[in-house]
């Protein structure tokens, strides 16, 4: 099997590529930047916002394309809404490649498409256009609609995976500024840190659970597309963890007393989300193995070992 992964230098892309390579799958990564974590992933450097015609991409044939490339900072999309248009443009160009080559696609979407929900856990059929809380969320909704149109008009097989707060090894703080690596960086030093919306509760998903779910989706889409194509599928743990609880798990793993200031929720952010995993279990046989109480300490251990090694 041959798999192309866009966004292969990112958090999910790196771990997914390494997992597939270890399983004997041929992988081509596509990213605008070289991978900062490993040189084991064959990577084609390309800015997917370019105007290269899809038939001219030197990617070659593949059994599945996993499209993960995106500008993923939600609050940054509020400050710079053009990011949303760039994400949509990139998705369109990836879909044109898939259409030109008849390649099934797995799209990395987000729990942001659900907006603020009154009831959790949240099932896949509760998406509302009115719920888009940020330009990033709006672009994800538009991407999903575009993918579905390619499925209808061009019989393109697809799966939409809705991730939720994925964290763990290969999470680049400087590139993405996500919450867990920010904690891992600041809490052990005793740096003051503001938690915006400490009671916000999300389904934090450890990287190995996310990769397992996507790996299962790849196998299904490549070998039995009729059983899964056309579905949006949540990945997560099925449980919520508040920002303050997550922060305290890092402090406990680091053995320090944290220096937190509690702030209000920022514009464009939602306050809670827990994934309904019924479809993931039924269609993919997915079962999460890493609740936050297990995954967050592992994430901190990786962070500490990686950055200690960097300093030597």
C-alpha atoms as a PDB file:
ATOM      1  CA  UNK A   1       0.000   0.000   0.000  1.00  0.00           C
ATOM      2  CA  UNK A   2       1.144   3.564  -0.720  1.00  0.00           C
ATOM      3  CA  UNK A   3      -0.159   6.540   1.282  1.00  0.00           C
ATOM      4  CA  UNK A   4       0.403  10.259   0.703  1.00  0.00           C
ATOM      5  CA  UNK A   5       0.175  12.447   3.820  1.00  0.00           C
ATOM      6  CA  UNK A   6      -0.151  16.223   3.516  1.00  0.00           C
ATOM      7  CA  UNK A   7       0.998  18.088   6.590  1.00  0.00           C
ATOM      8  CA  UNK A   8       3.462  15.268   7.234  1.00  0.00           C
ATOM      9  CA  UNK A   9       5.791  17.426   9.348  1.00  0.00           C
ATOM     10  CA  UNK A  10       3.092  18.177  11.909  1.00  0.00           C
ATOM     11  CA  UNK A  11       1.975  16.483  15.100  1.00  0.00           C
ATOM     12  CA  UNK A  12      -0.402  13.917  13.609  1.00  0.00           C
ATOM     13  CA  UNK A  13       1.354  13.629  10.252  1.00  0.00           C
ATOM     14  CA  UNK A  14       4.728  12.718  11.742  1.00  0.00           C
ATOM     15  CA  UNK A  15       3.424  10.006  14.076  1.00  0.00           C
ATOM     16  CA  UNK A  16       1.077   8.628  11.417  1.00  0.00           C
ATOM     17  CA  UNK A  17       3.858   8.420   8.825  1.00  0.00           C
ATOM     18  CA  UNK A  18       6.222   6.660  11.245  1.00  0.00           C
ATOM     19  CA  UNK A  19       3.475   4.215  12.238  1.00  0.00           C
ATOM     20  CA  UNK A  20       2.664   3.384   8.605  1.00  0.00           C
ATOM     21  CA  UNK A  21       6.337   2.982   7.697  1.00  0.00           C
ATOM     22  CA  UNK A  22       6.799   0.616  10.646  1.00  0.00           C
ATOM     23  CA  UNK A  23       3.831  -1.394   9.361  1.00  0.00           C
ATOM     24  CA  UNK A  24       5.465  -1.761   5.937  1.00  0.00           C
ATOM     25  CA  UNK A  25       3.402   0.878   4.111  1.00  0.00           C
ATOM     26  CA  UNK A  26       5.086   3.086   1.521  1.00  0.00           C
ATOM     27  CA  UNK A  27       4.665   6.729   2.543  1.00  0.00           C
ATOM     28  CA  UNK A  28       5.221  10.065   0.838  1.00  0.00           C
ATOM     29  CA  UNK A  29       4.950  13.119   3.033  1.00  0.00           C
ATOM     30  CA  UNK A  30       4.034  16.514   1.596  1.00  0.00           C
ATOM     31  CA  UNK A  31       4.731  19.641   3.629  1.00  0.00           C
ATOM     32  CA  UNK A  32       5.893  23.199   3.117  1.00  0.00           C
ATOM     33  CA  UNK A  33       8.628  22.632   5.737  1.00  0.00           C
ATOM     34  CA  UNK A  34      11.143  19.834   6.340  1.00  0.00           C
ATOM     35  CA  UNK A  35      10.271  17.562   9.237  1.00  0.00           C
ATOM     36  CA  UNK A  36      11.987  18.895  12.386  1.00  0.00           C
ATOM     37  CA  UNK A  37      11.656  15.609  14.289  1.00  0.00           C
ATOM     38  CA  UNK A  38      12.929  12.862  11.985  1.00  0.00           C
ATOM     39  CA  UNK A  39      14.534  12.277   8.599  1.00  0.00           C
ATOM     40  CA  UNK A  40      12.896   8.844   8.270  1.00  0.00           C
ATOM     41  CA  UNK A  41       9.869  10.133   6.323  1.00  0.00           C
ATOM     42  CA  UNK A  42      10.328  10.633   2.550  1.00  0.00           C
ATOM     43  CA  UNK A  43       9.024  14.175   2.092  1.00  0.00           C
ATOM     44  CA  UNK A  44       8.213  16.363  -0.895  1.00  0.00           C
ATOM     45  CA  UNK A  45       8.559  20.028   0.074  1.00  0.00           C
ATOM     46  CA  UNK A  46       5.722  22.051  -1.428  1.00  0.00           C
ATOM     47  CA  UNK A  47       3.543  24.997  -0.510  1.00  0.00           C
ATOM     48  CA  UNK A  48       0.052  23.700  -1.238  1.00  0.00           C
ATOM     49  CA  UNK A  49      -1.197  27.266  -1.678  1.00  0.00           C
ATOM     50  CA  UNK A  50       0.726  27.324  -4.976  1.00  0.00           C
ATOM     51  CA  UNK A  51      -1.048  27.110  -8.318  1.00  0.00           C
ATOM     52  CA  UNK A  52       0.514  23.861  -9.537  1.00  0.00           C
ATOM     53  CA  UNK A  53      -2.109  21.968 -11.597  1.00  0.00           C
ATOM     54  CA  UNK A  54      -3.172  18.747  -9.831  1.00  0.00           C
ATOM     55  CA  UNK A  55      -2.072  16.532 -12.707  1.00  0.00           C
ATOM     56  CA  UNK A  56       1.422  18.069 -12.493  1.00  0.00           C
ATOM     57  CA  UNK A  57       2.077  17.166  -8.870  1.00  0.00           C
ATOM     58  CA  UNK A  58       5.095  14.844  -8.688  1.00  0.00           C
ATOM     59  CA  UNK A  59       3.486  12.815  -5.919  1.00  0.00           C
ATOM     60  CA  UNK A  60       2.779   9.695  -7.923  1.00  0.00           C
ATOM     61  CA  UNK A  61      -0.034   7.257  -7.418  1.00  0.00           C
ATOM     62  CA  UNK A  62      -1.369   6.294  -4.010  1.00  0.00           C
ATOM     63  CA  UNK A  63      -3.986   4.036  -2.488  1.00  0.00           C
ATOM     64  CA  UNK A  64      -5.106   6.788  -0.085  1.00  0.00           C
ATOM     65  CA  UNK A  65      -4.329  10.459   0.503  1.00  0.00           C
ATOM     66  CA  UNK A  66      -4.528  11.639   4.125  1.00  0.00           C
ATOM     67  CA  UNK A  67      -5.021  15.403   4.047  1.00  0.00           C
ATOM     68  CA  UNK A  68      -3.837  16.984   7.304  1.00  0.00           C
ATOM     69  CA  UNK A  69      -2.182  20.192   6.058  1.00  0.00           C
ATOM     70  CA  UNK A  70      -3.739  23.324   7.559  1.00  0.00           C
ATOM     71  CA  UNK A  71      -3.104  26.471   9.535  1.00  0.00           C
ATOM     72  CA  UNK A  72      -4.462  25.101  12.783  1.00  0.00           C
ATOM     73  CA  UNK A  73      -4.462  27.984  15.293  1.00  0.00           C
ATOM     74  CA  UNK A  74      -8.085  28.860  16.006  1.00  0.00           C
ATOM     75  CA  UNK A  75      -7.429  32.224  17.679  1.00  0.00           C
ATOM     76  CA  UNK A  76      -4.968  33.157  14.899  1.00  0.00           C
ATOM     77  CA  UNK A  77      -7.751  32.736  12.342  1.00  0.00           C
ATOM     78  CA  UNK A  78      -9.676  35.431  14.222  1.00  0.00           C
ATOM     79  CA  UNK A  79      -6.665  37.756  14.032  1.00  0.00           C
ATOM     80  CA  UNK A  80      -5.910  36.790  10.413  1.00  0.00           C
ATOM     81  CA  UNK A  81      -9.059  35.473   8.673  1.00  0.00           C
ATOM     82  CA  UNK A  82      -7.107  34.944   5.443  1.00  0.00           C
ATOM     83  CA  UNK A  83      -5.854  31.722   7.066  1.00  0.00           C
ATOM     84  CA  UNK A  84      -9.333  30.263   6.596  1.00  0.00           C
ATOM     85  CA  UNK A  85      -9.287  30.964   2.866  1.00  0.00           C
ATOM     86  CA  UNK A  86      -5.816  29.443   2.561  1.00  0.00           C
ATOM     87  CA  UNK A  87      -7.014  26.266   4.296  1.00  0.00           C
ATOM     88  CA  UNK A  88      -9.953  26.006   1.904  1.00  0.00           C
ATOM     89  CA  UNK A  89      -7.702  26.613  -1.109  1.00  0.00           C
ATOM     90  CA  UNK A  90      -5.295  23.889  -0.013  1.00  0.00           C
ATOM     91  CA  UNK A  91      -8.128  21.398   0.458  1.00  0.00           C
ATOM     92  CA  UNK A  92      -9.497  22.189  -3.005  1.00  0.00           C
ATOM     93  CA  UNK A  93      -6.100  21.540  -4.589  1.00  0.00           C
ATOM     94  CA  UNK A  94      -5.660  18.258  -2.750  1.00  0.00           C
ATOM     95  CA  UNK A  95      -9.135  17.170  -3.853  1.00  0.00           C
ATOM     96  CA  UNK A  96      -8.333  18.077  -7.457  1.00  0.00           C
ATOM     97  CA  UNK A  97      -5.270  15.820  -7.252  1.00  0.00           C
ATOM     98  CA  UNK A  98      -7.411  13.013  -5.837  1.00  0.00           C
ATOM     99  CA  UNK A  99     -10.052  13.516  -8.528  1.00  0.00           C
ATOM    100  CA  UNK A 100      -7.463  13.536 -11.323  1.00  0.00           C
ATOM    101  CA  UNK A 101      -5.933  10.297 -10.037  1.00  0.00           C
ATOM    102  CA  UNK A 102      -8.999   8.540  -8.629  1.00  0.00           C
ATOM    103  CA  UNK A 103      -7.448   8.434  -5.159  1.00  0.00           C
ATOM    104  CA  UNK A 104      -9.602   8.053  -2.017  1.00  0.00           C
ATOM    105  CA  UNK A 105      -9.044  10.772   0.568  1.00  0.00           C
ATOM    106  CA  UNK A 106      -9.181  11.006   4.354  1.00  0.00           C
ATOM    107  CA  UNK A 107      -9.682  14.558   5.551  1.00  0.00           C
ATOM    108  CA  UNK A 108      -8.509  15.763   8.950  1.00  0.00           C
ATOM    109  CA  UNK A 109     -11.347  17.907  10.276  1.00  0.00           C
ATOM    110  CA  UNK A 110     -11.957  19.193  13.785  1.00  0.00           C
ATOM    111  CA  UNK A 111     -14.435  19.262  16.631  1.00  0.00           C
ATOM    112  CA  UNK A 112     -14.577  23.004  15.912  1.00  0.00           C
ATOM    113  CA  UNK A 113     -17.249  22.269  13.271  1.00  0.00           C
ATOM    114  CA  UNK A 114     -19.742  21.516  16.067  1.00  0.00           C
ATOM    115  CA  UNK A 115     -19.545  24.927  17.672  1.00  0.00           C
ATOM    116  CA  UNK A 116     -21.093  25.277  21.114  1.00  0.00           C
ATOM    117  CA  UNK A 117     -23.249  22.244  21.936  1.00  0.00           C
ATOM    118  CA  UNK A 118     -25.819  22.078  24.728  1.00  0.00           C
ATOM    119  CA  UNK A 119     -25.460  18.320  25.155  1.00  0.00           C
ATOM    120  CA  UNK A 120     -22.393  16.071  25.298  1.00  0.00           C
ATOM    121  CA  UNK A 121     -21.186  13.661  24.054  1.00  0.00           C
ATOM    122  CA  UNK A 122     -21.551  15.134  20.571  1.00  0.00           C
ATOM    123  CA  UNK A 123     -22.594  12.917  17.660  1.00  0.00           C
ATOM    124  CA  UNK A 124     -21.519  13.505  14.067  1.00  0.00           C
ATOM    125  CA  UNK A 125     -24.962  14.594  12.861  1.00  0.00           C
ATOM    126  CA  UNK A 126     -25.133  17.659  15.141  1.00  0.00           C
ATOM    127  CA  UNK A 127     -23.006  19.934  12.935  1.00  0.00           C
ATOM    128  CA  UNK A 128     -24.624  23.345  12.345  1.00  0.00           C
ATOM    129  CA  UNK A 129     -23.498  26.121  10.027  1.00  0.00           C
ATOM    130  CA  UNK A 130     -24.652  28.593  12.683  1.00  0.00           C
ATOM    131  CA  UNK A 131     -22.224  27.016  15.133  1.00  0.00           C
ATOM    132  CA  UNK A 132     -19.033  28.204  13.438  1.00  0.00           C
ATOM    133  CA  UNK A 133     -17.301  30.159  16.207  1.00  0.00           C
ATOM    134  CA  UNK A 134     -14.251  31.235  14.181  1.00  0.00           C
ATOM    135  CA  UNK A 135     -12.988  31.567  10.607  1.00  0.00           C
ATOM    136  CA  UNK A 136     -11.030  28.352  11.222  1.00  0.00           C
ATOM    137  CA  UNK A 137     -14.242  26.482  12.067  1.00  0.00           C
ATOM    138  CA  UNK A 138     -16.009  28.024   9.073  1.00  0.00           C
ATOM    139  CA  UNK A 139     -13.227  26.814   6.770  1.00  0.00           C
ATOM    140  CA  UNK A 140     -13.460  23.303   8.196  1.00  0.00           C
ATOM    141  CA  UNK A 141     -17.208  23.293   7.520  1.00  0.00           C
ATOM    142  CA  UNK A 142     -16.588  24.538   3.986  1.00  0.00           C
ATOM    143  CA  UNK A 143     -13.902  21.897   3.444  1.00  0.00           C
ATOM    144  CA  UNK A 144     -16.270  19.157   4.558  1.00  0.00           C
ATOM    145  CA  UNK A 145     -18.977  20.423   2.196  1.00  0.00           C
ATOM    146  CA  UNK A 146     -16.496  20.555  -0.683  1.00  0.00           C
ATOM    147  CA  UNK A 147     -15.341  17.001   0.000  1.00  0.00           C
ATOM    148  CA  UNK A 148     -18.926  15.760   0.036  1.00  0.00           C
ATOM    149  CA  UNK A 149     -19.571  17.499  -3.294  1.00  0.00           C
ATOM    150  CA  UNK A 150     -16.561  15.716  -4.809  1.00  0.00           C
ATOM    151  CA  UNK A 151     -17.971  12.466  -3.472  1.00  0.00           C
ATOM    152  CA  UNK A 152     -21.337  13.107  -5.114  1.00  0.00           C
ATOM    153  CA  UNK A 153     -20.161  14.629  -8.398  1.00  0.00           C
ATOM    154  CA  UNK A 154     -17.040  12.561  -9.054  1.00  0.00           C
ATOM    155  CA  UNK A 155     -17.658   9.374  -7.005  1.00  0.00           C
ATOM    156  CA  UNK A 156     -14.574  10.148  -4.939  1.00  0.00           C
ATOM    157  CA  UNK A 157     -14.364   7.846  -1.885  1.00  0.00           C
ATOM    158  CA  UNK A 158     -13.709   9.778   1.322  1.00  0.00           C
ATOM    159  CA  UNK A 159     -13.772   9.723   5.108  1.00  0.00           C
ATOM    160  CA  UNK A 160     -13.879  12.830   7.283  1.00  0.00           C
ATOM    161  CA  UNK A 161     -12.095  12.392  10.618  1.00  0.00           C
ATOM    162  CA  UNK A 162     -13.017  14.941  13.282  1.00  0.00           C
ATOM    163  CA  UNK A 163     -10.120  15.235  15.701  1.00  0.00           C
ATOM    164  CA  UNK A 164     -10.353  16.713  19.178  1.00  0.00           C
ATOM    165  CA  UNK A 165      -7.420  18.455  20.895  1.00  0.00           C
ATOM    166  CA  UNK A 166      -4.767  15.969  19.810  1.00  0.00           C
ATOM    167  CA  UNK A 167      -1.562  16.179  21.859  1.00  0.00           C
ATOM    168  CA  UNK A 168       1.638  14.238  22.518  1.00  0.00           C
ATOM    169  CA  UNK A 169       5.049  13.761  20.931  1.00  0.00           C
ATOM    170  CA  UNK A 170       6.079  15.901  17.942  1.00  0.00           C
ATOM    171  CA  UNK A 171       3.848  18.784  19.017  1.00  0.00           C
ATOM    172  CA  UNK A 172       5.683  21.935  17.948  1.00  0.00           C
ATOM    173  CA  UNK A 173       5.073  24.735  20.437  1.00  0.00           C
ATOM    174  CA  UNK A 174       6.548  27.458  18.234  1.00  0.00           C
ATOM    175  CA  UNK A 175       4.599  26.357  15.164  1.00  0.00           C
ATOM    176  CA  UNK A 176       1.193  25.748  16.732  1.00  0.00           C
ATOM    177  CA  UNK A 177       1.178  27.062  20.305  1.00  0.00           C
ATOM    178  CA  UNK A 178      -1.189  24.367  21.557  1.00  0.00           C
ATOM    179  CA  UNK A 179      -2.232  24.139  25.185  1.00  0.00           C
ATOM    180  CA  UNK A 180      -0.521  20.933  26.365  1.00  0.00           C
ATOM    181  CA  UNK A 181       2.988  21.721  25.024  1.00  0.00           C
ATOM    182  CA  UNK A 182       2.592  25.264  26.340  1.00  0.00           C
ATOM    183  CA  UNK A 183       1.977  23.757  29.776  1.00  0.00           C
ATOM    184  CA  UNK A 184       4.918  21.360  29.406  1.00  0.00           C
ATOM    185  CA  UNK A 185       7.173  24.284  28.560  1.00  0.00           C
ATOM    186  CA  UNK A 186       6.101  26.790  31.214  1.00  0.00           C
ATOM    187  CA  UNK A 187       4.824  24.869  34.232  1.00  0.00           C
ATOM    188  CA  UNK A 188       8.103  23.103  35.207  1.00  0.00           C
ATOM    189  CA  UNK A 189       9.924  26.458  35.218  1.00  0.00           C
ATOM    190  CA  UNK A 190       7.321  28.037  37.456  1.00  0.00           C
ATOM    191  CA  UNK A 191       6.518  30.633  34.814  1.00  0.00           C
ATOM    192  CA  UNK A 192       3.274  32.549  35.333  1.00  0.00           C
ATOM    193  CA  UNK A 193       0.596  31.347  32.953  1.00  0.00           C
ATOM    194  CA  UNK A 194      -2.926  32.512  32.229  1.00  0.00           C
ATOM    195  CA  UNK A 195      -5.524  29.825  31.581  1.00  0.00           C
ATOM    196  CA  UNK A 196      -8.264  31.340  29.456  1.00  0.00           C
ATOM    197  CA  UNK A 197     -11.504  29.712  30.520  1.00  0.00           C
ATOM    198  CA  UNK A 198     -10.234  27.229  33.131  1.00  0.00           C
ATOM    199  CA  UNK A 199     -13.573  25.400  33.265  1.00  0.00           C
ATOM    200  CA  UNK A 200     -13.592  24.812  29.511  1.00  0.00           C
ATOM    201  CA  UNK A 201     -13.717  21.043  29.084  1.00  0.00           C
ATOM    202  CA  UNK A 202     -12.499  19.180  26.015  1.00  0.00           C
ATOM    203  CA  UNK A 203     -11.861  15.664  24.804  1.00  0.00           C
ATOM    204  CA  UNK A 204      -8.049  15.677  24.847  1.00  0.00           C
ATOM    205  CA  UNK A 205      -6.842  12.917  22.506  1.00  0.00           C
ATOM    206  CA  UNK A 206      -3.396  11.373  22.919  1.00  0.00           C
ATOM    207  CA  UNK A 207      -1.493  11.037  19.651  1.00  0.00           C
ATOM    208  CA  UNK A 208      -1.409   7.220  19.678  1.00  0.00           C
ATOM    209  CA  UNK A 209      -5.206   7.041  19.840  1.00  0.00           C
ATOM    210  CA  UNK A 210      -5.508   9.521  16.960  1.00  0.00           C
ATOM    211  CA  UNK A 211      -3.003   7.598  14.841  1.00  0.00           C
ATOM    212  CA  UNK A 212      -4.707   4.287  15.572  1.00  0.00           C
ATOM    213  CA  UNK A 213      -8.028   5.687  14.411  1.00  0.00           C
ATOM    214  CA  UNK A 214      -6.595   7.118  11.190  1.00  0.00           C
ATOM    215  CA  UNK A 215      -4.653   3.928  10.476  1.00  0.00           C
ATOM    216  CA  UNK A 216      -7.854   1.925  10.748  1.00  0.00           C
ATOM    217  CA  UNK A 217      -9.617   4.409   8.462  1.00  0.00           C
ATOM    218  CA  UNK A 218      -6.858   4.071   5.849  1.00  0.00           C
ATOM    219  CA  UNK A 219      -7.168   0.289   5.825  1.00  0.00           C
ATOM    220  CA  UNK A 220     -10.951   0.422   5.543  1.00  0.00           C
ATOM    221  CA  UNK A 221     -10.972   3.042   2.794  1.00  0.00           C
ATOM    222  CA  UNK A 222      -8.311   1.213   0.774  1.00  0.00           C
ATOM    223  CA  UNK A 223      -9.742  -2.298   1.104  1.00  0.00           C
ATOM    224  CA  UNK A 224     -13.488  -1.911   1.668  1.00  0.00           C
ATOM    225  CA  UNK A 225     -14.458   1.650   0.698  1.00  0.00           C
ATOM    226  CA  UNK A 226     -18.129   0.810   0.398  1.00  0.00           C
ATOM    227  CA  UNK A 227     -18.249   0.104   4.143  1.00  0.00           C
ATOM    228  CA  UNK A 228     -16.986   3.534   5.261  1.00  0.00           C
ATOM    229  CA  UNK A 229     -16.957   6.045   2.397  1.00  0.00           C
ATOM    230  CA  UNK A 230     -19.080   9.150   2.907  1.00  0.00           C
ATOM    231  CA  UNK A 231     -18.864   9.101   6.699  1.00  0.00           C
ATOM    232  CA  UNK A 232     -17.701  11.715   9.175  1.00  0.00           C
ATOM    233  CA  UNK A 233     -16.199  10.003  12.226  1.00  0.00           C
ATOM    234  CA  UNK A 234     -15.232  11.439  15.611  1.00  0.00           C
ATOM    235  CA  UNK A 235     -11.978  10.412  17.263  1.00  0.00           C
ATOM    236  CA  UNK A 236     -11.360  11.114  20.939  1.00  0.00           C
ATOM    237  CA  UNK A 237     -11.620   9.427  24.333  1.00  0.00           C
ATOM    238  CA  UNK A 238     -15.311   9.956  25.037  1.00  0.00           C
ATOM    239  CA  UNK A 239     -14.501  11.928  28.197  1.00  0.00           C
ATOM    240  CA  UNK A 240     -13.992  15.610  28.978  1.00  0.00           C
ATOM    241  CA  UNK A 241     -11.081  17.171  30.862  1.00  0.00           C
ATOM    242  CA  UNK A 242     -11.123  20.809  31.946  1.00  0.00           C
ATOM    243  CA  UNK A 243      -8.210  23.090  31.103  1.00  0.00           C
ATOM    244  CA  UNK A 244      -7.432  23.444  34.791  1.00  0.00           C
ATOM    245  CA  UNK A 245      -7.463  19.659  35.275  1.00  0.00           C
ATOM    246  CA  UNK A 246      -5.099  19.238  32.325  1.00  0.00           C
ATOM    247  CA  UNK A 247      -2.801  21.930  33.692  1.00  0.00           C
ATOM    248  CA  UNK A 248      -2.698  20.269  37.096  1.00  0.00           C
ATOM    249  CA  UNK A 249      -1.856  16.904  35.488  1.00  0.00           C
ATOM    250  CA  UNK A 250       1.217  18.507  33.923  1.00  0.00           C
ATOM    251  CA  UNK A 251       2.180  20.145  37.220  1.00  0.00           C
ATOM    252  CA  UNK A 252       1.816  16.809  38.995  1.00  0.00           C
ATOM    253  CA  UNK A 253       3.946  15.035  36.369  1.00  0.00           C
ATOM    254  CA  UNK A 254       6.592  17.752  36.698  1.00  0.00           C
ATOM    255  CA  UNK A 255       6.463  17.680  40.496  1.00  0.00           C
ATOM    256  CA  UNK A 256       5.931  21.429  40.860  1.00  0.00           C
ATOM    257  CA  UNK A 257       3.388  23.847  42.284  1.00  0.00           C
ATOM    258  CA  UNK A 258       1.916  25.710  39.300  1.00  0.00           C
ATOM    259  CA  UNK A 259       1.696  29.483  38.947  1.00  0.00           C
ATOM    260  CA  UNK A 260      -1.665  29.921  37.211  1.00  0.00           C
ATOM    261  CA  UNK A 261      -3.827  32.974  36.634  1.00  0.00           C
ATOM    262  CA  UNK A 262      -7.396  32.272  35.586  1.00  0.00           C
ATOM    263  CA  UNK A 263      -8.716  34.316  32.661  1.00  0.00           C
ATOM    264  CA  UNK A 264     -11.923  34.497  30.642  1.00  0.00           C
ATOM    265  CA  UNK A 265     -12.650  32.556  27.464  1.00  0.00           C
ATOM    266  CA  UNK A 266     -11.313  34.204  24.286  1.00  0.00           C
ATOM    267  CA  UNK A 267     -13.319  35.247  21.235  1.00  0.00           C
ATOM    268  CA  UNK A 268     -13.764  32.399  18.747  1.00  0.00           C
ATOM    269  CA  UNK A 269     -13.387  29.593  21.288  1.00  0.00           C
ATOM    270  CA  UNK A 270     -16.028  27.166  22.528  1.00  0.00           C
ATOM    271  CA  UNK A 271     -16.453  26.028  26.121  1.00  0.00           C
ATOM    272  CA  UNK A 272     -16.874  22.251  26.013  1.00  0.00           C
ATOM    273  CA  UNK A 273     -16.791  19.191  23.807  1.00  0.00           C
ATOM    274  CA  UNK A 274     -16.832  15.428  24.309  1.00  0.00           C
ATOM    275  CA  UNK A 275     -16.842  13.071  21.334  1.00  0.00           C
ATOM    276  CA  UNK A 276     -19.533  10.473  20.772  1.00  0.00           C
ATOM    277  CA  UNK A 277     -17.476   7.478  19.612  1.00  0.00           C
ATOM    278  CA  UNK A 278     -20.326   5.230  18.469  1.00  0.00           C
ATOM    279  CA  UNK A 279     -19.453   5.503  14.765  1.00  0.00           C
ATOM    280  CA  UNK A 280     -15.717   5.122  15.378  1.00  0.00           C
ATOM    281  CA  UNK A 281     -16.343   1.935  17.302  1.00  0.00           C
ATOM    282  CA  UNK A 282     -18.873   0.554  14.817  1.00  0.00           C
ATOM    283  CA  UNK A 283     -17.125   1.444  11.547  1.00  0.00           C
ATOM    284  CA  UNK A 284     -13.459   1.294  12.541  1.00  0.00           C
ATOM    285  CA  UNK A 285     -13.341  -0.929  15.612  1.00  0.00           C
ATOM    286  CA  UNK A 286     -11.713   2.011  17.390  1.00  0.00           C
ATOM    287  CA  UNK A 287     -11.255   1.933  21.153  1.00  0.00           C
ATOM    288  CA  UNK A 288      -9.238   4.681  22.885  1.00  0.00           C
ATOM    289  CA  UNK A 289      -6.468   3.574  25.219  1.00  0.00           C
ATOM    290  CA  UNK A 290      -5.216   6.868  26.625  1.00  0.00           C
ATOM    291  CA  UNK A 291      -7.440   8.884  28.976  1.00  0.00           C
ATOM    292  CA  UNK A 292      -5.993  12.250  29.926  1.00  0.00           C
ATOM    293  CA  UNK A 293      -4.731  10.852  33.224  1.00  0.00           C
ATOM    294  CA  UNK A 294      -2.503   8.478  31.241  1.00  0.00           C
ATOM    295  CA  UNK A 295      -1.764  10.501  28.113  1.00  0.00           C
ATOM    296  CA  UNK A 296      -0.848  13.877  29.602  1.00  0.00           C
ATOM    297  CA  UNK A 297       1.926  12.469  31.840  1.00  0.00           C
ATOM    298  CA  UNK A 298       3.285  10.607  28.788  1.00  0.00           C
ATOM    299  CA  UNK A 299       3.227  13.832  26.798  1.00  0.00           C
ATOM    300  CA  UNK A 300       5.146  15.607  29.538  1.00  0.00           C
ATOM    301  CA  UNK A 301       7.718  12.779  29.748  1.00  0.00           C
ATOM    302  CA  UNK A 302       8.308  12.977  25.999  1.00  0.00           C
ATOM    303  CA  UNK A 303       8.590  16.763  26.133  1.00  0.00           C
ATOM    304  CA  UNK A 304      11.147  16.621  28.930  1.00  0.00           C
ATOM    305  CA  UNK A 305      13.271  13.905  27.291  1.00  0.00           C
ATOM    306  CA  UNK A 306      13.210  15.592  23.875  1.00  0.00           C
ATOM    307  CA  UNK A 307      14.189  19.025  25.144  1.00  0.00           C
ATOM    308  CA  UNK A 308      16.823  17.671  27.521  1.00  0.00           C
ATOM    309  CA  UNK A 309      18.350  15.824  24.564  1.00  0.00           C
ATOM    310  CA  UNK A 310      18.259  19.035  22.490  1.00  0.00           C
ATOM    311  CA  UNK A 311      20.180  20.923  25.161  1.00  0.00           C
ATOM    312  CA  UNK A 312      23.048  18.418  25.294  1.00  0.00           C
END
